[in-house]
């Protein structure tokens, strides 16, 4: 591209069809300028990390090291679809199988809030008991909803289950979602 060797990966962390362009550091400014010039007619725009965080939450994408940590297994992070237990053996198979009974699970939530959003670290409360903690959150501008992830016991992880999150000293109702708030069928990713 623009005379530079580029490795292009079709990936998305924001729920839109996208590409990551990997180039040597010395080529980055020239490639940016070339992409910007070609994108002007299409409405190209810069955006920051807060926008990326908002869009990844709309799609229900987990983030390292917030929902994906070395303290939670893939099963607890609700990522079992990436484990093939039909394989006779793989590194970590036995330990992962033993971890299936761990007492936590990451859940995807909509939060009843219009004036503040989850940032991560807020208590999750049922009645007067703290049952978990939020890991991240943001306002989803494409879906006009406050969204979050939280780590809770499995009995509170079923779609439709409600509990409270304490945001800036006030309890706000949250509900477990079973699908991404934005483009749940991944139509935009198949464009």
N, C-alpha and C. Protein backbone atom coordinates (compact mmCIF):
# COMPACT_ATOMS: atom_id res chain seq x y z
N UNK A 1 0.86 -1.18 0.00
CA UNK A 1 0.00 0.00 0.00
C UNK A 1 0.89 1.23 0.00
N UNK A 2 0.60 2.12 -0.91
CA UNK A 2 1.38 3.36 -1.03
C UNK A 2 2.88 3.09 -1.06
N UNK A 3 3.26 1.98 -1.69
CA UNK A 3 4.67 1.65 -1.83
C UNK A 3 5.28 0.96 -0.61
N UNK A 4 4.47 0.59 0.35
CA UNK A 4 4.97 -0.05 1.57
C UNK A 4 4.42 -1.47 1.69
N UNK A 5 5.24 -2.35 2.20
CA UNK A 5 4.81 -3.72 2.46
C UNK A 5 3.92 -3.71 3.71
N UNK A 6 2.74 -4.30 3.58
CA UNK A 6 1.76 -4.27 4.67
C UNK A 6 1.22 -5.67 4.91
N UNK A 7 1.11 -6.04 6.15
CA UNK A 7 0.38 -7.27 6.51
C UNK A 7 -0.99 -6.81 7.00
N UNK A 8 -2.05 -7.21 6.28
CA UNK A 8 -3.42 -6.80 6.61
C UNK A 8 -4.16 -7.99 7.21
N UNK A 9 -4.74 -7.77 8.39
CA UNK A 9 -5.50 -8.81 9.07
C UNK A 9 -6.95 -8.35 9.19
N UNK A 10 -7.87 -9.18 8.70
CA UNK A 10 -9.29 -8.83 8.81
C UNK A 10 -9.78 -9.23 10.20
N UNK A 11 -9.80 -8.27 11.08
CA UNK A 11 -10.24 -8.48 12.45
C UNK A 11 -11.08 -7.28 12.89
N UNK A 12 -11.80 -7.48 13.98
CA UNK A 12 -12.57 -6.37 14.51
C UNK A 12 -12.66 -6.49 16.01
N UNK A 13 -12.47 -5.41 16.68
CA UNK A 13 -12.64 -5.33 18.12
C UNK A 13 -13.77 -4.36 18.45
N UNK A 14 -14.47 -3.88 17.41
CA UNK A 14 -15.50 -2.87 17.62
C UNK A 14 -16.84 -3.24 16.99
N UNK A 15 -16.94 -4.42 16.40
CA UNK A 15 -18.21 -4.86 15.85
C UNK A 15 -18.50 -4.41 14.44
N UNK A 16 -17.52 -3.89 13.76
CA UNK A 16 -17.66 -3.48 12.36
C UNK A 16 -16.61 -4.24 11.56
N UNK A 17 -16.87 -4.42 10.29
CA UNK A 17 -15.89 -5.05 9.43
C UNK A 17 -14.64 -4.17 9.45
N UNK A 18 -13.52 -4.74 9.79
CA UNK A 18 -12.33 -3.92 9.94
C UNK A 18 -11.06 -4.66 9.58
N UNK A 19 -10.02 -3.90 9.52
CA UNK A 19 -8.70 -4.43 9.20
C UNK A 19 -7.68 -3.83 10.15
N UNK A 20 -6.70 -4.64 10.53
CA UNK A 20 -5.51 -4.14 11.20
C UNK A 20 -4.41 -4.15 10.15
N UNK A 21 -3.71 -3.04 10.04
CA UNK A 21 -2.60 -2.93 9.09
C UNK A 21 -1.30 -2.91 9.87
N UNK A 22 -0.44 -3.89 9.61
CA UNK A 22 0.83 -4.00 10.31
C UNK A 22 1.95 -3.66 9.35
N UNK A 23 2.72 -2.66 9.72
CA UNK A 23 3.84 -2.18 8.90
C UNK A 23 5.02 -1.88 9.81
N UNK A 24 6.22 -1.82 9.24
CA UNK A 24 7.37 -1.37 10.04
C UNK A 24 7.12 0.06 10.54
N UNK A 25 7.65 0.37 11.70
CA UNK A 25 7.46 1.69 12.30
C UNK A 25 7.85 2.81 11.33
N UNK A 26 8.89 2.61 10.58
CA UNK A 26 9.35 3.65 9.65
C UNK A 26 8.34 3.94 8.55
N UNK A 27 7.43 3.01 8.26
CA UNK A 27 6.42 3.20 7.21
C UNK A 27 5.09 3.73 7.74
N UNK A 28 4.94 3.80 9.04
CA UNK A 28 3.64 4.07 9.63
C UNK A 28 3.06 5.45 9.23
N UNK A 29 3.84 6.49 9.32
CA UNK A 29 3.33 7.84 9.00
C UNK A 29 2.90 7.93 7.54
N UNK A 30 3.69 7.40 6.63
CA UNK A 30 3.35 7.46 5.21
C UNK A 30 2.09 6.65 4.92
N UNK A 31 1.97 5.47 5.53
CA UNK A 31 0.78 4.65 5.32
C UNK A 31 -0.46 5.34 5.90
N UNK A 32 -0.34 5.92 7.09
CA UNK A 32 -1.45 6.65 7.69
C UNK A 32 -1.92 7.75 6.73
N UNK A 33 -1.00 8.53 6.22
CA UNK A 33 -1.35 9.62 5.30
C UNK A 33 -2.06 9.09 4.05
N UNK A 34 -1.57 7.98 3.51
CA UNK A 34 -2.18 7.40 2.30
C UNK A 34 -3.59 6.89 2.58
N UNK A 35 -3.79 6.20 3.71
CA UNK A 35 -5.11 5.70 4.07
C UNK A 35 -6.05 6.87 4.33
N UNK A 36 -5.56 7.89 5.02
CA UNK A 36 -6.38 9.07 5.31
C UNK A 36 -6.84 9.74 4.01
N UNK A 37 -5.94 9.90 3.10
CA UNK A 37 -6.26 10.56 1.82
C UNK A 37 -7.34 9.78 1.07
N UNK A 38 -7.20 8.46 1.01
CA UNK A 38 -8.19 7.64 0.31
C UNK A 38 -9.52 7.60 1.05
N UNK A 39 -9.48 7.73 2.36
CA UNK A 39 -10.70 7.65 3.17
C UNK A 39 -11.51 8.93 3.26
N UNK A 40 -10.95 10.05 2.84
CA UNK A 40 -11.67 11.33 2.95
C UNK A 40 -13.03 11.30 2.26
N UNK A 41 -13.08 10.73 1.08
CA UNK A 41 -14.34 10.68 0.34
C UNK A 41 -15.36 9.75 1.00
N UNK A 42 -14.87 8.87 1.88
CA UNK A 42 -15.76 7.91 2.55
C UNK A 42 -16.11 8.34 3.97
N UNK A 43 -15.64 9.52 4.39
CA UNK A 43 -15.96 10.01 5.73
C UNK A 43 -15.05 9.49 6.83
N UNK A 44 -13.82 9.20 6.50
CA UNK A 44 -12.88 8.68 7.49
C UNK A 44 -12.79 9.63 8.69
N UNK A 45 -12.57 9.06 9.86
CA UNK A 45 -12.44 9.87 11.08
C UNK A 45 -11.54 9.15 12.07
N UNK A 46 -10.83 9.91 12.86
CA UNK A 46 -10.06 9.34 13.96
C UNK A 46 -11.00 9.12 15.14
N UNK A 47 -10.70 8.14 15.95
CA UNK A 47 -11.44 7.94 17.19
C UNK A 47 -10.48 7.39 18.24
N UNK A 48 -10.87 7.52 19.50
CA UNK A 48 -9.97 7.16 20.58
C UNK A 48 -10.35 5.89 21.31
N UNK A 49 -9.62 5.62 22.37
CA UNK A 49 -9.81 4.38 23.12
C UNK A 49 -11.15 4.32 23.84
N UNK A 50 -11.71 5.45 24.26
CA UNK A 50 -13.03 5.42 24.89
C UNK A 50 -14.08 4.96 23.88
N UNK A 51 -13.96 5.37 22.65
CA UNK A 51 -14.89 4.92 21.62
C UNK A 51 -14.71 3.42 21.36
N UNK A 52 -13.47 2.97 21.30
CA UNK A 52 -13.20 1.54 21.10
C UNK A 52 -13.80 0.73 22.25
N UNK A 53 -13.62 1.20 23.48
CA UNK A 53 -14.17 0.49 24.63
C UNK A 53 -15.69 0.43 24.57
N UNK A 54 -16.32 1.54 24.21
CA UNK A 54 -17.78 1.58 24.09
C UNK A 54 -18.26 0.59 23.03
N UNK A 55 -17.61 0.56 21.88
CA UNK A 55 -18.04 -0.31 20.79
C UNK A 55 -17.79 -1.79 21.10
N UNK A 56 -16.69 -2.10 21.78
CA UNK A 56 -16.44 -3.52 22.11
C UNK A 56 -17.46 -4.00 23.13
N UNK A 57 -17.90 -3.12 24.04
CA UNK A 57 -18.94 -3.51 24.99
C UNK A 57 -20.27 -3.71 24.30
N UNK A 58 -20.59 -2.91 23.31
CA UNK A 58 -21.84 -3.11 22.56
C UNK A 58 -21.88 -4.50 21.92
N UNK A 59 -20.73 -4.99 21.48
CA UNK A 59 -20.64 -6.31 20.86
C UNK A 59 -20.45 -7.43 21.87
N UNK A 60 -20.29 -7.09 23.13
CA UNK A 60 -20.09 -8.11 24.15
C UNK A 60 -18.70 -8.73 24.09
N UNK A 61 -17.71 -8.00 23.57
CA UNK A 61 -16.34 -8.49 23.48
C UNK A 61 -15.63 -8.24 24.80
N UNK A 62 -14.99 -9.27 25.30
CA UNK A 62 -14.24 -9.17 26.55
C UNK A 62 -12.86 -8.58 26.27
N UNK A 63 -12.25 -8.02 27.32
CA UNK A 63 -10.95 -7.37 27.16
C UNK A 63 -9.92 -7.94 28.13
N UNK A 64 -8.70 -8.02 27.64
CA UNK A 64 -7.57 -8.34 28.49
C UNK A 64 -7.06 -7.05 29.08
N UNK A 65 -6.80 -6.90 30.32
CA UNK A 65 -6.87 -7.83 31.43
C UNK A 65 -8.10 -7.61 32.32
N UNK A 66 -9.19 -7.19 31.74
CA UNK A 66 -10.39 -6.90 32.53
C UNK A 66 -11.27 -8.13 32.74
N UNK A 67 -11.75 -8.72 31.65
CA UNK A 67 -12.55 -9.93 31.75
C UNK A 67 -11.72 -11.18 31.50
N UNK A 68 -10.64 -11.03 30.80
CA UNK A 68 -9.74 -12.14 30.48
C UNK A 68 -8.47 -11.94 31.29
N UNK A 69 -8.34 -12.69 32.37
CA UNK A 69 -7.20 -12.52 33.26
C UNK A 69 -6.58 -13.87 33.57
N UNK A 70 -5.44 -13.83 34.23
CA UNK A 70 -4.83 -15.08 34.67
C UNK A 70 -5.47 -15.58 35.97
N UNK A 71 -6.46 -14.85 36.48
CA UNK A 71 -7.18 -15.27 37.68
C UNK A 71 -8.48 -16.00 37.35
N UNK A 72 -8.96 -15.87 36.12
CA UNK A 72 -10.18 -16.54 35.69
C UNK A 72 -9.85 -17.49 34.54
N UNK A 73 -10.49 -18.63 34.54
CA UNK A 73 -10.29 -19.58 33.46
C UNK A 73 -11.15 -19.19 32.26
N UNK A 74 -10.91 -19.84 31.13
CA UNK A 74 -11.76 -19.60 29.97
C UNK A 74 -13.21 -19.98 30.26
N UNK A 75 -13.43 -20.98 31.08
CA UNK A 75 -14.80 -21.37 31.44
C UNK A 75 -15.47 -20.27 32.25
N UNK A 76 -14.76 -19.71 33.22
CA UNK A 76 -15.33 -18.63 34.02
C UNK A 76 -15.57 -17.37 33.19
N UNK A 77 -14.73 -17.16 32.18
CA UNK A 77 -14.87 -15.99 31.31
C UNK A 77 -15.92 -16.21 30.23
N UNK A 78 -16.66 -17.32 30.31
CA UNK A 78 -17.70 -17.66 29.34
C UNK A 78 -17.13 -17.77 27.93
N UNK A 79 -15.98 -18.41 27.83
CA UNK A 79 -15.29 -18.57 26.55
C UNK A 79 -15.10 -20.05 26.21
N UNK A 80 -16.00 -20.90 26.70
CA UNK A 80 -15.87 -22.34 26.48
C UNK A 80 -15.86 -22.70 25.00
N UNK A 81 -16.44 -21.86 24.15
CA UNK A 81 -16.48 -22.17 22.72
C UNK A 81 -15.08 -22.26 22.10
N UNK A 82 -14.06 -21.79 22.83
CA UNK A 82 -12.70 -21.85 22.33
C UNK A 82 -11.93 -23.06 22.86
N UNK A 83 -12.61 -23.94 23.58
CA UNK A 83 -11.98 -25.14 24.14
C UNK A 83 -12.59 -26.37 23.46
N UNK A 84 -11.75 -27.25 22.98
CA UNK A 84 -12.22 -28.47 22.34
C UNK A 84 -11.91 -29.66 23.24
N UNK A 85 -12.85 -29.97 24.14
CA UNK A 85 -12.65 -31.07 25.06
C UNK A 85 -12.72 -32.44 24.37
N UNK A 86 -13.13 -32.47 23.08
CA UNK A 86 -13.12 -33.75 22.36
C UNK A 86 -11.70 -34.17 21.97
N UNK A 87 -10.76 -33.24 22.03
CA UNK A 87 -9.36 -33.60 21.78
C UNK A 87 -8.87 -34.44 22.95
N UNK A 88 -8.13 -35.51 22.64
CA UNK A 88 -7.72 -36.41 23.72
C UNK A 88 -6.79 -35.74 24.73
N UNK A 89 -5.99 -34.81 24.27
CA UNK A 89 -5.09 -34.14 25.20
C UNK A 89 -4.62 -32.82 24.61
N UNK A 90 -4.45 -31.84 25.45
CA UNK A 90 -3.83 -30.57 25.10
C UNK A 90 -3.30 -29.97 26.39
N UNK A 91 -2.33 -29.08 26.27
CA UNK A 91 -1.74 -28.45 27.44
C UNK A 91 -2.84 -27.72 28.22
N UNK A 92 -2.98 -28.06 29.48
CA UNK A 92 -3.98 -27.42 30.33
C UNK A 92 -5.32 -28.12 30.37
N UNK A 93 -5.49 -29.22 29.61
CA UNK A 93 -6.79 -29.89 29.54
C UNK A 93 -7.28 -30.34 30.91
N UNK A 94 -6.44 -31.05 31.65
CA UNK A 94 -6.85 -31.59 32.94
C UNK A 94 -7.17 -30.46 33.93
N UNK A 95 -6.33 -29.45 33.98
CA UNK A 95 -6.57 -28.33 34.90
C UNK A 95 -7.85 -27.58 34.53
N UNK A 96 -8.09 -27.40 33.23
CA UNK A 96 -9.31 -26.70 32.78
C UNK A 96 -10.55 -27.50 33.15
N UNK A 97 -10.50 -28.81 32.98
CA UNK A 97 -11.64 -29.66 33.34
C UNK A 97 -11.91 -29.59 34.83
N UNK A 98 -10.87 -29.54 35.64
CA UNK A 98 -11.05 -29.43 37.09
C UNK A 98 -11.64 -28.08 37.48
N UNK A 99 -11.35 -27.06 36.69
CA UNK A 99 -11.81 -25.71 37.00
C UNK A 99 -13.28 -25.50 36.66
N UNK A 100 -13.94 -26.48 36.05
CA UNK A 100 -15.32 -26.31 35.62
C UNK A 100 -16.27 -26.00 36.77
N UNK A 101 -15.89 -26.34 37.98
CA UNK A 101 -16.78 -26.11 39.12
C UNK A 101 -16.43 -24.84 39.90
N UNK A 102 -15.58 -23.99 39.36
CA UNK A 102 -15.22 -22.75 40.06
C UNK A 102 -16.45 -21.88 40.27
N UNK A 103 -16.45 -21.07 41.30
CA UNK A 103 -17.68 -20.36 41.71
C UNK A 103 -17.93 -19.01 41.05
N UNK A 104 -17.32 -18.71 39.91
CA UNK A 104 -17.53 -17.41 39.29
C UNK A 104 -17.78 -17.54 37.79
N UNK A 105 -18.42 -16.53 37.25
CA UNK A 105 -18.61 -16.47 35.81
C UNK A 105 -18.72 -15.00 35.40
N UNK A 106 -18.13 -14.67 34.25
CA UNK A 106 -18.26 -13.32 33.70
C UNK A 106 -19.59 -13.23 32.96
N UNK A 107 -20.37 -12.19 33.25
CA UNK A 107 -21.66 -11.98 32.60
C UNK A 107 -21.68 -10.62 31.90
N UNK A 108 -22.49 -10.55 30.87
CA UNK A 108 -22.69 -9.35 30.05
C UNK A 108 -24.01 -8.72 30.49
N UNK A 109 -24.03 -7.41 30.71
CA UNK A 109 -25.17 -6.76 31.36
C UNK A 109 -25.62 -5.50 30.65
N UNK A 110 -26.93 -5.21 30.79
CA UNK A 110 -27.43 -3.87 30.53
C UNK A 110 -27.72 -3.28 31.90
N UNK A 111 -27.42 -1.98 32.06
CA UNK A 111 -27.53 -1.32 33.35
C UNK A 111 -28.53 -0.18 33.24
N UNK A 112 -29.46 -0.10 34.19
CA UNK A 112 -30.43 0.99 34.21
C UNK A 112 -29.76 2.25 34.76
N UNK A 113 -29.12 2.99 33.89
CA UNK A 113 -28.44 4.21 34.29
C UNK A 113 -28.38 5.16 33.10
N UNK A 114 -28.69 6.39 33.34
CA UNK A 114 -28.64 7.39 32.27
C UNK A 114 -27.62 8.49 32.56
N UNK A 115 -27.07 8.51 33.77
CA UNK A 115 -26.18 9.61 34.12
C UNK A 115 -24.77 9.19 34.56
N UNK A 116 -24.53 7.89 34.67
CA UNK A 116 -23.20 7.39 35.00
C UNK A 116 -23.09 5.95 34.50
N UNK A 117 -21.89 5.51 34.26
CA UNK A 117 -21.68 4.17 33.73
C UNK A 117 -20.66 3.41 34.57
N UNK A 118 -20.72 2.11 34.48
CA UNK A 118 -19.76 1.24 35.15
C UNK A 118 -18.38 1.53 34.59
N UNK A 119 -17.39 1.54 35.46
CA UNK A 119 -15.99 1.69 35.03
C UNK A 119 -15.20 0.41 35.30
N UNK A 120 -15.68 -0.35 36.29
CA UNK A 120 -14.99 -1.56 36.74
C UNK A 120 -14.63 -1.41 38.20
N UNK A 121 -14.87 -2.46 38.97
CA UNK A 121 -14.57 -2.44 40.39
C UNK A 121 -15.76 -2.11 41.28
N UNK A 122 -16.93 -1.87 40.68
CA UNK A 122 -18.12 -1.56 41.48
C UNK A 122 -18.73 -2.85 42.03
N UNK A 123 -19.27 -2.80 43.24
CA UNK A 123 -19.88 -4.01 43.82
C UNK A 123 -21.19 -4.40 43.14
N UNK A 124 -21.38 -5.71 43.00
CA UNK A 124 -22.64 -6.28 42.52
C UNK A 124 -23.37 -6.79 43.76
N UNK A 125 -24.63 -6.36 43.92
CA UNK A 125 -25.33 -6.59 45.18
C UNK A 125 -26.68 -7.28 44.94
N UNK A 126 -26.99 -8.26 45.78
CA UNK A 126 -28.31 -8.87 45.86
C UNK A 126 -28.76 -8.69 47.30
N UNK A 127 -29.91 -8.04 47.47
CA UNK A 127 -30.41 -7.65 48.79
C UNK A 127 -29.32 -6.83 49.47
N UNK A 128 -28.78 -7.30 50.59
CA UNK A 128 -27.73 -6.54 51.27
C UNK A 128 -26.38 -7.25 51.23
N UNK A 129 -26.21 -8.14 50.26
CA UNK A 129 -25.00 -8.95 50.17
C UNK A 129 -24.27 -8.69 48.86
N UNK A 130 -22.98 -8.43 48.96
CA UNK A 130 -22.13 -8.28 47.77
C UNK A 130 -21.83 -9.67 47.23
N UNK A 131 -22.22 -9.90 45.97
CA UNK A 131 -22.03 -11.22 45.35
C UNK A 131 -20.96 -11.22 44.27
N UNK A 132 -20.49 -10.05 43.89
CA UNK A 132 -19.51 -9.99 42.81
C UNK A 132 -19.01 -8.59 42.59
N UNK A 133 -18.36 -8.40 41.45
CA UNK A 133 -17.76 -7.11 41.13
C UNK A 133 -17.81 -6.90 39.62
N UNK A 134 -17.99 -5.63 39.20
CA UNK A 134 -17.93 -5.33 37.77
C UNK A 134 -16.48 -5.36 37.31
N UNK A 135 -16.29 -5.67 36.03
CA UNK A 135 -14.94 -5.68 35.47
C UNK A 135 -14.71 -4.52 34.51
N UNK A 136 -15.77 -4.11 33.79
CA UNK A 136 -15.67 -2.96 32.89
C UNK A 136 -17.07 -2.55 32.46
N UNK A 137 -17.17 -1.35 31.90
CA UNK A 137 -18.45 -0.88 31.41
C UNK A 137 -18.30 0.42 30.64
N UNK A 138 -19.37 0.80 29.96
CA UNK A 138 -19.37 2.03 29.17
C UNK A 138 -20.78 2.26 28.64
N UNK A 139 -21.02 3.45 28.14
CA UNK A 139 -22.28 3.74 27.47
C UNK A 139 -22.13 3.34 26.01
N UNK A 140 -23.10 2.57 25.50
CA UNK A 140 -23.10 2.17 24.10
C UNK A 140 -23.88 3.17 23.27
N UNK A 141 -23.19 4.01 22.54
CA UNK A 141 -23.85 5.08 21.78
C UNK A 141 -24.67 4.56 20.61
N UNK A 142 -24.28 3.44 20.00
CA UNK A 142 -25.05 2.90 18.89
C UNK A 142 -26.35 2.26 19.36
N UNK A 143 -26.40 1.82 20.62
CA UNK A 143 -27.59 1.14 21.14
C UNK A 143 -28.29 1.94 22.23
N UNK A 144 -27.72 3.08 22.60
CA UNK A 144 -28.29 3.97 23.60
C UNK A 144 -28.56 3.24 24.92
N UNK A 145 -27.55 2.49 25.39
CA UNK A 145 -27.65 1.71 26.61
C UNK A 145 -26.35 1.78 27.39
N UNK A 146 -26.47 1.72 28.71
CA UNK A 146 -25.31 1.53 29.57
C UNK A 146 -25.06 0.03 29.67
N UNK A 147 -23.83 -0.39 29.40
CA UNK A 147 -23.48 -1.81 29.33
C UNK A 147 -22.29 -2.11 30.24
N UNK A 148 -22.18 -3.36 30.66
CA UNK A 148 -21.09 -3.72 31.56
C UNK A 148 -20.84 -5.22 31.53
N UNK A 149 -19.70 -5.59 32.11
CA UNK A 149 -19.39 -6.98 32.43
C UNK A 149 -19.20 -7.05 33.94
N UNK A 150 -19.54 -8.21 34.51
CA UNK A 150 -19.33 -8.42 35.94
C UNK A 150 -18.97 -9.87 36.19
N UNK A 151 -18.30 -10.10 37.29
CA UNK A 151 -17.94 -11.44 37.74
C UNK A 151 -18.88 -11.79 38.89
N UNK A 152 -19.72 -12.82 38.68
CA UNK A 152 -20.74 -13.20 39.67
C UNK A 152 -20.79 -14.71 39.83
N UNK A 153 -21.43 -15.23 40.89
CA UNK A 153 -21.63 -16.68 41.01
C UNK A 153 -22.51 -17.20 39.89
N UNK A 154 -22.32 -18.47 39.48
CA UNK A 154 -23.06 -19.04 38.34
C UNK A 154 -24.58 -18.93 38.46
N UNK A 155 -25.14 -19.00 39.66
CA UNK A 155 -26.60 -18.92 39.79
C UNK A 155 -27.13 -17.54 39.43
N UNK A 156 -26.27 -16.55 39.35
CA UNK A 156 -26.67 -15.20 38.96
C UNK A 156 -26.25 -14.88 37.52
N UNK A 157 -25.83 -15.91 36.77
CA UNK A 157 -25.28 -15.69 35.44
C UNK A 157 -26.24 -16.06 34.31
N UNK A 158 -27.45 -16.42 34.63
CA UNK A 158 -28.40 -16.82 33.59
C UNK A 158 -29.03 -15.60 32.92
N UNK A 159 -29.26 -15.66 31.60
CA UNK A 159 -29.90 -14.53 30.91
C UNK A 159 -31.22 -14.14 31.58
N UNK A 160 -31.39 -12.83 31.77
CA UNK A 160 -32.60 -12.30 32.39
C UNK A 160 -32.50 -12.09 33.88
N UNK A 161 -31.51 -12.70 34.54
CA UNK A 161 -31.33 -12.51 35.98
C UNK A 161 -30.98 -11.05 36.24
N UNK A 162 -31.55 -10.49 37.30
CA UNK A 162 -31.29 -9.09 37.68
C UNK A 162 -30.64 -9.01 39.04
N UNK A 163 -29.85 -7.98 39.22
CA UNK A 163 -29.25 -7.64 40.51
C UNK A 163 -28.88 -6.17 40.44
N UNK A 164 -28.33 -5.64 41.51
CA UNK A 164 -27.96 -4.22 41.55
C UNK A 164 -26.45 -4.05 41.45
N UNK A 165 -26.06 -2.92 40.88
CA UNK A 165 -24.67 -2.49 40.87
C UNK A 165 -24.64 -1.14 41.59
N UNK A 166 -23.69 -0.96 42.48
CA UNK A 166 -23.58 0.30 43.21
C UNK A 166 -22.69 1.24 42.39
N UNK A 167 -23.32 2.27 41.81
CA UNK A 167 -22.62 3.27 40.98
C UNK A 167 -22.67 4.61 41.70
N UNK A 168 -21.51 5.12 42.05
CA UNK A 168 -21.40 6.40 42.74
C UNK A 168 -22.37 6.49 43.91
N UNK A 169 -22.40 5.42 44.72
CA UNK A 169 -23.20 5.41 45.93
C UNK A 169 -24.67 5.08 45.75
N UNK A 170 -25.12 4.86 44.52
CA UNK A 170 -26.53 4.54 44.26
C UNK A 170 -26.64 3.17 43.61
N UNK A 171 -27.67 2.44 44.03
CA UNK A 171 -27.92 1.13 43.43
C UNK A 171 -28.63 1.31 42.09
N UNK A 172 -28.09 0.65 41.07
CA UNK A 172 -28.69 0.66 39.73
C UNK A 172 -28.96 -0.78 39.32
N UNK A 173 -30.13 -1.01 38.76
CA UNK A 173 -30.53 -2.35 38.34
C UNK A 173 -29.75 -2.76 37.10
N UNK A 174 -29.32 -4.02 37.07
CA UNK A 174 -28.62 -4.59 35.92
C UNK A 174 -29.25 -5.93 35.59
N UNK A 175 -29.28 -6.26 34.28
CA UNK A 175 -29.84 -7.53 33.81
C UNK A 175 -28.82 -8.25 32.93
N UNK A 176 -28.73 -9.55 33.13
CA UNK A 176 -27.82 -10.37 32.33
C UNK A 176 -28.41 -10.53 30.92
N UNK A 177 -27.60 -10.23 29.93
CA UNK A 177 -28.00 -10.37 28.52
C UNK A 177 -27.47 -11.69 27.96
N UNK A 178 -28.18 -12.24 27.00
CA UNK A 178 -27.71 -13.47 26.36
C UNK A 178 -27.13 -13.24 24.98
N UNK A 179 -27.24 -12.00 24.47
CA UNK A 179 -26.73 -11.66 23.13
C UNK A 179 -26.13 -10.27 23.16
N UNK A 180 -25.24 -9.98 22.24
CA UNK A 180 -24.70 -8.62 22.16
C UNK A 180 -25.80 -7.59 21.90
N UNK A 181 -25.66 -6.43 22.49
CA UNK A 181 -26.64 -5.36 22.31
C UNK A 181 -26.61 -4.83 20.88
N UNK A 182 -25.44 -4.87 20.23
CA UNK A 182 -25.28 -4.35 18.87
C UNK A 182 -25.03 -5.49 17.90
N UNK A 183 -25.78 -5.54 16.83
CA UNK A 183 -25.60 -6.51 15.76
C UNK A 183 -25.40 -7.93 16.30
N UNK A 184 -26.39 -8.44 17.03
CA UNK A 184 -26.22 -9.76 17.66
C UNK A 184 -26.03 -10.92 16.69
N UNK A 185 -26.45 -10.76 15.44
CA UNK A 185 -26.28 -11.82 14.45
C UNK A 185 -25.03 -11.67 13.60
N UNK A 186 -24.19 -10.69 13.92
CA UNK A 186 -22.92 -10.45 13.21
C UNK A 186 -23.10 -10.18 11.72
N UNK A 187 -24.19 -9.55 11.35
CA UNK A 187 -24.43 -9.21 9.94
C UNK A 187 -23.36 -8.24 9.42
N UNK A 188 -23.02 -7.26 10.24
CA UNK A 188 -22.06 -6.23 9.79
C UNK A 188 -20.66 -6.81 9.62
N UNK A 189 -20.33 -7.83 10.37
CA UNK A 189 -19.00 -8.44 10.27
C UNK A 189 -18.87 -9.28 9.00
N UNK A 190 -19.97 -9.63 8.38
CA UNK A 190 -19.93 -10.46 7.17
C UNK A 190 -20.07 -9.63 5.89
N UNK A 191 -19.96 -8.35 6.00
CA UNK A 191 -20.16 -7.47 4.85
C UNK A 191 -19.16 -7.76 3.75
